Amino acid sequence: MPLYLVPNALGVFLHDEDHRIVGHALAYPDVSLGARLVRDILQGEISEEVANLFSQAIRRHTTTVAVESTQIARALKDIQGLDAVTTDSRNIKTFRNMVDRLLVEQGLIESPQALRHYRHQVTLLVGQQVIADASQVPDLPVRHAIDAVDELDKSINMLGMHLREWFSVYHPLVSNKIEDNEHLAVIVSLWAQGKFSMDELTGAGIPTQLAQELTEMFLPAVEGSLPANLAPMADLASAIRELADRRREIEKYISEAMVAVAPNITALVGPLIGARLISMAGSLMELARKPSSTIQVLGAEKALFRSLRTGTAPPKHGVIFQVPLLRTAPYWQRGKIARALAAKLAIAARVDAFSGRSMGDSLRNDLERRVEEIRRQSPEPPPTRPQRRRQRDSGAQRTTKKRRRRRR
């Protein structure tokens, strides 16, 4: 009959059917050793120091032990002459509940208070190590950066809307002419400073054509007497420009980081879209584990669940719609292009996560050839109206059948 091997934060214990401790190797009172033992148990990878604890606990008592975890059993087979089997015995669970009392009764630990203090210290150290390991994941900064870009976009759009409404009180024509919120913030800042000229506009980043139109069409309106108390509106415009500058800096950081984290995804869809896909999936490893059908609709979860709930057509694409190759395609070609793009992205994600080989250019060329093939095969839109009528008719028929069933 095999003996039972139970590792925990206190050490490694070998006990029999009657819960008597036959062999043991204590990690107590070494907090770092206890934390290493806990982490090895969680990860299923036994380090050399922890393996010595197992060897000391087993010694010459037996060559066959029963453990709870398959990972621990696999790791213990590396110890010479040891046969580890996996079991779900209640005996081990019962021993776990009573091991603290047994250790105190046998004098291996001074008191229950010392045991609780030791467990507390081990828990804190394990938590610190887990957080430190998580912060070293290479794609974690990229995920935070792209999330920050999304939040900055929301802030810029919201503040830009308020600035547009505020500025339109004085010059509605100028406000309607300018679509970009950052350009509007630049113009408001220059107007509040009384520096509205062609040179000032182009020097501040306004496109030459727009600057020329503004100076020719709206300069007389802007050069009028300035209203009082423009400082708050000018401060709001400066805040928008500052947020836009921060956004560009973070975008530059993402572009540089993605080349190192996911070069194949970057070559295929660009750094920003690639980072957004990684963020939506949770990590690069999670993205690599997803099938191409899931990658295709990442970001369109609401439309997907609505289609499952109401029976409408499912979405053809999610965030990958931002890829120019897909966004500029005719509507009747987007479904096939989205599937082809998602398939290449699935390959690129797996290569970036597990291999690290550089094959982004090859994937990009294959995708472009597939897109050209789709364009040749479907140059004209299909006759969609009859199909839509049939869909509406079938939907109405389903609704009628449901009503009849309810009446029955």
Protein backbone atom coordinates (compact mmCIF):
# COMPACT_ATOMS: atom_id res chain seq x y z
CA MET A 1 0.00 0.00 0.00
CA PRO A 2 1.55 3.34 -0.99
CA LEU A 3 2.20 6.13 1.45
CA TYR A 4 0.73 9.57 0.86
CA LEU A 5 2.96 12.54 0.08
CA VAL A 6 1.53 15.96 1.00
CA PRO A 7 3.49 19.17 0.29
CA ASN A 8 2.37 22.55 1.65
CA ALA A 9 3.89 25.82 2.84
CA LEU A 10 5.24 24.17 6.00
CA GLY A 11 7.17 21.44 4.21
CA VAL A 12 6.76 17.98 2.71
CA PHE A 13 5.05 15.24 4.73
CA LEU A 14 4.77 11.49 4.21
CA HIS A 15 1.89 9.83 6.09
CA ASP A 16 0.12 6.49 6.18
CA GLU A 17 -3.54 5.48 6.16
CA ASP A 18 -3.87 6.37 9.86
CA HIS A 19 -2.52 9.90 9.27
CA ARG A 20 0.71 9.18 11.15
CA ILE A 21 3.65 11.23 9.88
CA VAL A 22 6.18 8.67 8.65
CA GLY A 23 8.65 11.12 7.15
CA HIS A 24 8.92 14.88 6.86
CA ALA A 25 11.15 17.71 5.68
CA LEU A 26 10.21 21.09 7.13
CA ALA A 27 10.50 24.36 5.26
CA TYR A 28 9.54 26.12 8.50
CA PRO A 29 10.85 28.60 9.65
CA ASP A 30 12.49 29.55 6.32
CA VAL A 31 9.88 31.85 4.72
CA SER A 32 11.65 32.02 1.35
CA LEU A 33 11.89 28.22 1.14
CA GLY A 34 8.21 27.89 2.02
CA ALA A 35 7.29 30.40 -0.68
CA ARG A 36 9.43 28.54 -3.22
CA LEU A 37 7.73 25.28 -2.25
CA VAL A 38 4.27 26.80 -2.72
CA ARG A 39 5.18 28.23 -6.11
CA ASP A 40 6.66 24.92 -7.27
CA ILE A 41 3.43 23.19 -6.26
CA LEU A 42 1.34 25.73 -8.19
CA GLN A 43 3.54 25.58 -11.28
CA GLY A 44 4.22 21.86 -11.20
CA GLU A 45 7.95 22.44 -11.65
CA ILE A 46 10.08 21.11 -8.80
CA SER A 47 13.30 23.05 -8.23
CA GLU A 48 16.44 21.38 -6.94
CA GLU A 49 16.06 22.77 -3.43
CA VAL A 50 12.43 21.63 -3.20
CA ALA A 51 13.38 18.24 -4.69
CA ASN A 52 15.78 17.81 -1.76
CA LEU A 53 12.83 18.32 0.60
CA PHE A 54 10.90 15.56 -1.15
CA SER A 55 13.92 13.24 -0.98
CA GLN A 56 14.43 13.94 2.74
CA ALA A 57 10.76 13.29 3.48
CA ILE A 58 10.69 10.00 1.58
CA ARG A 59 14.21 8.72 2.36
CA ARG A 60 14.07 4.91 2.55
CA HIS A 61 10.47 4.60 3.68
CA THR A 62 9.03 3.69 0.28
CA THR A 63 9.57 3.78 -3.44
CA THR A 64 5.89 4.40 -4.22
CA VAL A 65 3.97 7.49 -3.10
CA ALA A 66 0.48 8.79 -3.82
CA VAL A 67 -0.02 12.50 -4.56
CA GLU A 68 -2.98 14.68 -5.54
CA SER A 69 -1.50 16.58 -8.48
CA THR A 70 -0.61 15.05 -11.83
CA GLN A 71 2.04 17.73 -12.32
CA ILE A 72 3.73 16.86 -9.02
CA ALA A 73 3.59 13.15 -9.87
CA ARG A 74 5.26 13.85 -13.21
CA ALA A 75 7.96 15.95 -11.53
CA LEU A 76 8.60 13.34 -8.82
CA LYS A 77 9.36 10.67 -11.41
CA ASP A 78 12.63 12.48 -12.01
CA ILE A 79 13.74 11.36 -8.52
CA GLN A 80 15.60 8.09 -9.00
CA GLY A 81 13.71 4.97 -8.00
CA LEU A 82 10.48 6.79 -7.07
CA ASP A 83 7.11 5.79 -8.48
CA ALA A 84 4.48 8.51 -8.02
CA VAL A 85 0.80 7.79 -8.62
CA THR A 86 -2.07 10.25 -8.68
CA THR A 87 -5.01 9.78 -6.34
CA ASP A 88 -8.03 11.74 -5.17
CA SER A 89 -8.08 10.11 -1.77
CA ARG A 90 -9.96 11.69 1.12
CA ASN A 91 -7.08 10.56 3.27
CA ILE A 92 -4.88 13.35 1.91
CA LYS A 93 -7.61 15.98 2.36
CA THR A 94 -8.18 14.85 5.94
CA PHE A 95 -4.45 15.04 6.66
CA ARG A 96 -4.30 18.58 5.26
CA ASN A 97 -6.97 19.66 7.73
CA MET A 98 -5.18 18.15 10.73
CA VAL A 99 -1.50 18.68 9.84
CA ASP A 100 -1.24 21.94 11.81
CA ARG A 101 -2.43 20.27 15.01
CA LEU A 102 -0.16 17.27 14.46
CA LEU A 103 2.93 19.46 14.01
CA VAL A 104 2.21 21.41 17.20
CA GLU A 105 1.48 18.22 19.18
CA GLN A 106 4.73 16.60 18.01
CA GLY A 107 6.72 19.72 18.89
CA LEU A 108 7.85 20.40 15.32
CA ILE A 109 6.32 23.90 15.55
CA GLU A 110 6.31 25.96 18.75
CA SER A 111 2.69 27.16 18.81
CA PRO A 112 -0.37 27.84 16.64
CA GLN A 113 0.50 31.55 16.75
CA ALA A 114 3.93 30.90 15.24
CA LEU A 115 2.34 28.74 12.57
CA ARG A 116 -0.17 31.46 11.62
CA HIS A 117 2.57 34.09 11.50
CA TYR A 118 4.68 31.87 9.25
CA ARG A 119 1.78 31.20 6.86
CA HIS A 120 1.05 34.91 6.71
CA GLN A 121 4.65 35.73 5.78
CA VAL A 122 4.74 33.00 3.12
CA THR A 123 1.47 34.24 1.62
CA LEU A 124 2.78 37.80 1.38
CA LEU A 125 6.02 36.68 -0.24
CA VAL A 126 4.24 34.45 -2.79
CA GLY A 127 1.90 37.31 -3.67
CA GLN A 128 4.82 39.68 -4.18
CA GLN A 129 6.59 37.18 -6.42
CA VAL A 130 3.47 36.53 -8.51
CA ILE A 131 2.95 40.27 -9.03
CA ALA A 132 6.61 40.72 -9.94
CA ASP A 133 6.40 37.90 -12.48
CA ALA A 134 3.22 39.32 -13.98
CA SER A 135 4.83 42.73 -14.40
CA GLN A 136 7.67 41.14 -16.39
CA VAL A 137 5.34 39.76 -19.08
CA PRO A 138 6.58 41.49 -22.25
CA ASP A 139 3.15 42.31 -23.66
CA LEU A 140 1.75 43.77 -20.41
CA PRO A 141 3.11 47.33 -20.98
CA VAL A 142 1.73 47.26 -24.52
CA ARG A 143 -1.73 46.34 -23.24
CA HIS A 144 -1.68 49.17 -20.72
CA ALA A 145 -0.42 51.60 -23.36
CA ILE A 146 -3.14 50.81 -25.92
CA ASP A 147 -5.79 51.04 -23.19
CA ALA A 148 -4.39 54.47 -22.31
CA VAL A 149 -4.63 55.51 -25.98
CA ASP A 150 -8.30 54.49 -26.03
CA GLU A 151 -9.01 56.50 -22.89
CA LEU A 152 -7.17 59.51 -24.31
CA ASP A 153 -9.28 59.26 -27.47
CA LYS A 154 -12.46 59.35 -25.39
CA SER A 155 -11.22 62.35 -23.42
CA ILE A 156 -10.11 64.25 -26.53
CA ASN A 157 -13.42 63.61 -28.28
CA MET A 158 -15.49 64.64 -25.27
CA LEU A 159 -13.50 67.80 -24.55
CA GLY A 160 -13.38 68.60 -28.26
CA MET A 161 -17.16 68.42 -28.47
CA HIS A 162 -17.51 70.92 -25.61
CA LEU A 163 -14.86 73.19 -27.14
CA ARG A 164 -16.63 73.09 -30.51
CA GLU A 165 -19.96 74.11 -28.97
CA TRP A 166 -18.27 76.84 -26.96
CA PHE A 167 -16.35 78.25 -29.93
CA SER A 168 -19.40 78.09 -32.22
CA VAL A 169 -21.05 80.72 -30.04
CA TYR A 170 -18.55 83.24 -31.43
CA HIS A 171 -17.74 81.81 -34.90
CA PRO A 172 -20.11 79.03 -36.01
CA LEU A 173 -18.80 79.01 -39.60
CA VAL A 174 -15.22 78.38 -38.50
CA SER A 175 -16.36 75.68 -36.07
CA ASN A 176 -18.35 73.85 -38.76
CA LYS A 177 -15.45 74.00 -41.23
CA ILE A 178 -13.00 72.21 -38.92
CA GLU A 179 -13.64 68.51 -38.34
CA ASP A 180 -10.54 67.50 -36.38
CA ASN A 181 -10.70 68.31 -32.66
CA GLU A 182 -6.96 68.92 -32.40
CA HIS A 183 -7.04 71.37 -35.31
CA LEU A 184 -9.92 73.15 -33.63
CA ALA A 185 -7.94 73.38 -30.39
CA VAL A 186 -4.98 74.89 -32.28
CA ILE A 187 -7.20 77.48 -33.97
CA VAL A 188 -8.89 78.43 -30.70
CA SER A 189 -5.51 78.86 -29.00
CA LEU A 190 -4.18 81.07 -31.80
CA TRP A 191 -7.40 83.06 -31.94
CA ALA A 192 -7.32 83.69 -28.19
CA GLN A 193 -3.71 84.89 -28.55
CA GLY A 194 -4.55 87.12 -31.53
CA LYS A 195 -2.02 85.27 -33.76
CA PHE A 196 -4.35 84.01 -36.48
CA SER A 197 -2.23 84.02 -39.65
CA MET A 198 -1.16 81.62 -42.40
CA ASP A 199 2.32 81.17 -40.94
CA GLU A 200 1.02 80.62 -37.43
CA LEU A 201 -1.53 78.03 -38.60
CA THR A 202 0.90 75.98 -40.69
CA GLY A 203 3.56 76.25 -37.98
CA ALA A 204 1.10 74.78 -35.47
CA GLY A 205 0.43 71.73 -37.63
CA ILE A 206 -2.67 72.82 -39.57
CA PRO A 207 -2.64 71.42 -43.16
CA THR A 208 -1.70 74.03 -45.74
CA GLN A 209 -4.95 73.79 -47.68
CA LEU A 210 -7.09 74.15 -44.56
CA ALA A 211 -4.93 77.02 -43.30
CA GLN A 212 -5.31 78.81 -46.63
CA GLU A 213 -9.09 78.38 -46.61
CA LEU A 214 -9.32 79.67 -43.07
CA THR A 215 -7.22 82.74 -43.75
CA GLU A 216 -9.10 83.57 -46.95
CA MET A 217 -12.65 82.83 -45.87
CA PHE A 218 -12.74 83.38 -42.14
CA LEU A 219 -9.91 85.76 -41.30
CA PRO A 220 -12.19 88.84 -41.27
CA ALA A 221 -14.51 87.14 -38.79
CA VAL A 222 -11.69 86.02 -36.55
CA GLU A 223 -9.81 89.30 -36.66
CA GLY A 224 -12.71 91.10 -35.07
CA SER A 225 -12.60 92.36 -31.53
CA LEU A 226 -11.87 89.53 -29.13
CA PRO A 227 -14.49 88.76 -26.48
CA ALA A 228 -13.60 89.13 -22.84
CA ASN A 229 -12.69 86.21 -20.59
CA LEU A 230 -11.26 83.91 -23.26
CA ALA A 231 -8.80 82.36 -20.81
CA PRO A 232 -11.03 79.40 -19.81
CA MET A 233 -11.71 78.43 -23.43
CA ALA A 234 -8.03 78.84 -24.32
CA ASP A 235 -7.07 76.65 -21.35
CA LEU A 236 -9.48 73.97 -22.55
CA ALA A 237 -7.92 74.13 -26.02
CA SER A 238 -4.43 73.84 -24.50
CA ALA A 239 -5.55 70.81 -22.49
CA ILE A 240 -6.79 69.11 -25.67
CA ARG A 241 -3.51 69.81 -27.43
CA GLU A 242 -1.58 68.43 -24.46
CA LEU A 243 -3.65 65.23 -24.48
CA ALA A 244 -3.06 64.87 -28.22
CA ASP A 245 0.70 65.23 -27.67
CA ARG A 246 0.63 62.55 -24.97
CA ARG A 247 -1.34 60.28 -27.29
CA ARG A 248 1.30 60.62 -30.02
CA GLU A 249 4.06 59.82 -27.55
CA ILE A 250 2.27 56.66 -26.39
CA GLU A 251 1.61 55.64 -30.00
CA LYS A 252 5.32 55.98 -30.71
CA TYR A 253 6.11 53.81 -27.69
CA ILE A 254 3.60 51.17 -28.84
CA SER A 255 5.10 51.14 -32.33
CA GLU A 256 8.57 50.49 -30.93
CA ALA A 257 7.42 47.94 -28.34
CA MET A 258 5.28 45.92 -30.74
CA VAL A 259 8.26 45.32 -33.02
CA ALA A 260 9.89 43.46 -30.12
CA VAL A 261 6.77 41.84 -28.63
CA ALA A 262 4.86 40.75 -31.75
CA PRO A 263 6.80 41.54 -34.94
CA ASN A 264 4.72 39.29 -37.20
CA ILE A 265 1.40 40.73 -36.04
CA THR A 266 2.86 44.22 -36.46
CA ALA A 267 3.96 43.48 -40.01
CA LEU A 268 0.51 42.15 -40.83
CA VAL A 269 -1.87 44.76 -39.34
CA GLY A 270 0.31 47.48 -37.82
CA PRO A 271 1.34 48.15 -34.21
CA LEU A 272 -1.83 49.85 -32.93
CA ILE A 273 -4.31 47.30 -34.25
CA GLY A 274 -2.02 44.47 -33.16
CA ALA A 275 -1.74 45.90 -29.65
CA ARG A 276 -5.52 46.32 -29.49
CA LEU A 277 -6.03 42.68 -30.48
CA ILE A 278 -3.60 41.57 -27.75
CA SER A 279 -5.40 43.75 -25.20
CA MET A 280 -8.82 42.39 -26.15
CA ALA A 281 -7.59 38.80 -26.00
CA GLY A 282 -5.94 39.36 -22.61
CA SER A 283 -2.37 38.60 -23.63
CA LEU A 284 -0.32 37.46 -26.58
CA MET A 285 -0.50 33.86 -25.34
CA GLU A 286 -4.29 34.03 -25.11
CA LEU A 287 -4.49 35.50 -28.61
CA ALA A 288 -2.29 32.68 -29.90
CA ARG A 289 -4.64 30.10 -28.39
CA LYS A 290 -7.73 31.52 -30.07
CA PRO A 291 -9.01 30.20 -33.41
CA SER A 292 -9.15 32.48 -36.41
CA SER A 293 -12.96 32.63 -36.19
CA THR A 294 -12.69 34.24 -32.75
CA ILE A 295 -9.95 36.65 -33.82
CA GLN A 296 -12.14 37.71 -36.75
CA VAL A 297 -14.91 39.06 -34.46
CA LEU A 298 -12.81 40.35 -31.53
CA GLY A 299 -14.31 43.72 -30.65
CA ALA A 300 -17.75 42.86 -32.09
CA GLU A 301 -19.01 40.86 -29.12
CA LYS A 302 -22.22 42.88 -28.75
CA ALA A 303 -23.17 42.35 -32.39
CA LEU A 304 -22.29 38.66 -32.12
CA PHE A 305 -24.48 38.05 -29.07
CA ARG A 306 -27.28 40.12 -30.58
CA SER A 307 -27.14 37.88 -33.63
CA LEU A 308 -27.28 34.77 -31.45
CA ARG A 309 -30.20 36.19 -29.50
CA THR A 310 -32.31 37.58 -32.35
CA GLY A 311 -31.24 35.42 -35.28
CA THR A 312 -29.88 38.30 -37.35
CA ALA A 313 -26.77 37.99 -39.50
CA PRO A 314 -23.57 37.62 -37.42
CA PRO A 315 -20.85 40.28 -37.70
CA LYS A 316 -18.22 39.77 -40.39
CA HIS A 317 -15.41 41.51 -38.52
CA GLY A 318 -14.48 43.27 -35.32
CA VAL A 319 -11.49 45.48 -34.62
CA ILE A 320 -9.69 44.14 -37.69
CA PHE A 321 -12.04 46.33 -39.75
CA GLN A 322 -9.56 49.16 -39.02
CA VAL A 323 -7.00 47.47 -41.29
CA PRO A 324 -6.97 49.54 -44.53
CA LEU A 325 -6.96 46.41 -46.68
CA LEU A 326 -10.34 45.46 -45.21
CA ARG A 327 -11.81 48.89 -44.54
CA THR A 328 -11.41 50.09 -48.13
CA ALA A 329 -12.77 46.88 -49.68
CA PRO A 330 -16.31 46.76 -51.15
CA TYR A 331 -18.91 45.50 -48.72
CA TRP A 332 -19.52 42.22 -50.56
CA GLN A 333 -15.82 41.30 -50.34
CA ARG A 334 -15.26 42.13 -46.68
CA GLY A 335 -16.42 38.81 -45.27
CA LYS A 336 -13.94 36.75 -47.27
CA ILE A 337 -11.13 39.27 -46.71
CA ALA A 338 -11.85 39.29 -42.97
CA ARG A 339 -11.63 35.49 -42.84
CA ALA A 340 -8.36 35.50 -44.75
CA LEU A 341 -6.92 38.23 -42.52
CA ALA A 342 -8.00 36.46 -39.32
CA ALA A 343 -6.40 33.21 -40.52
CA LYS A 344 -3.08 34.96 -41.12
CA LEU A 345 -3.35 36.74 -37.76
CA ALA A 346 -3.84 33.41 -35.99
CA ILE A 347 -0.63 32.11 -37.58
CA ALA A 348 1.26 35.32 -36.78
CA ALA A 349 0.13 35.27 -33.14
CA ARG A 350 1.26 31.66 -32.66
CA VAL A 351 4.62 32.32 -34.25
CA ASP A 352 5.16 35.42 -32.07
CA ALA A 353 4.10 33.59 -28.91
CA PHE A 354 5.86 30.26 -29.34
CA SER A 355 8.52 30.54 -32.03
CA GLY A 356 9.77 34.08 -32.51
CA ARG A 357 10.58 33.51 -36.18
CA SER A 358 10.21 36.42 -38.58
CA MET A 359 7.62 35.63 -41.22
CA GLY A 360 5.49 38.78 -41.21
CA ASP A 361 6.43 39.78 -44.75
CA SER A 362 5.59 36.32 -46.04
CA LEU A 363 2.21 36.37 -44.32
CA ARG A 364 1.54 39.85 -45.66
CA ASN A 365 2.36 38.80 -49.23
CA ASP A 366 0.14 35.71 -48.94
CA LEU A 367 -2.70 37.87 -47.65
CA GLU A 368 -2.36 40.38 -50.48
CA ARG A 369 -2.42 37.57 -53.04
CA ARG A 370 -5.56 36.16 -51.45
CA VAL A 371 -7.21 39.60 -51.49
CA GLU A 372 -6.40 40.02 -55.18
CA GLU A 373 -7.93 36.61 -55.82
CA ILE A 374 -11.09 37.62 -53.96
CA ARG A 375 -11.32 40.82 -55.98
CA ARG A 376 -11.03 38.89 -59.25
CA GLN A 377 -13.62 36.34 -58.19
CA SER A 378 -16.18 38.88 -56.93
CA PRO A 379 -15.82 42.10 -58.96
CA GLU A 380 -19.55 42.90 -58.82
CA PRO A 381 -21.96 42.95 -55.86
CA PRO A 382 -24.31 39.98 -55.60
CA PRO A 383 -28.09 40.41 -55.94
CA THR A 384 -28.89 40.99 -52.28
CA ARG A 385 -32.49 42.22 -52.40
CA PRO A 386 -34.20 38.86 -53.05
CA GLN A 387 -32.07 37.30 -50.33
CA ARG A 388 -33.08 39.97 -47.84
CA ARG A 389 -36.75 39.43 -48.65
CA ARG A 390 -36.38 35.72 -48.05
CA GLN A 391 -34.67 36.42 -44.74
CA ARG A 392 -37.46 38.75 -43.68
CA ASP A 393 -40.09 36.24 -44.78
CA SER A 394 -38.40 33.41 -42.90
CA GLY A 395 -38.10 35.62 -39.83
CA ALA A 396 -41.78 36.49 -40.01
CA GLN A 397 -42.64 32.81 -40.39
CA ARG A 398 -40.60 31.93 -37.31
CA THR A 399 -42.36 34.65 -35.32
CA THR A 400 -45.78 33.40 -36.46
CA LYS A 401 -44.92 29.82 -35.45
CA LYS A 402 -43.82 30.98 -31.99
CA ARG A 403 -47.08 32.86 -31.48
CA ARG A 404 -49.10 29.81 -32.51
CA ARG A 405 -47.20 27.63 -30.04
CA ARG A 406 -47.87 30.09 -27.23
CA ARG A 407 -51.59 30.12 -28.02
CA ARG A 408 -51.69 26.33 -27.86
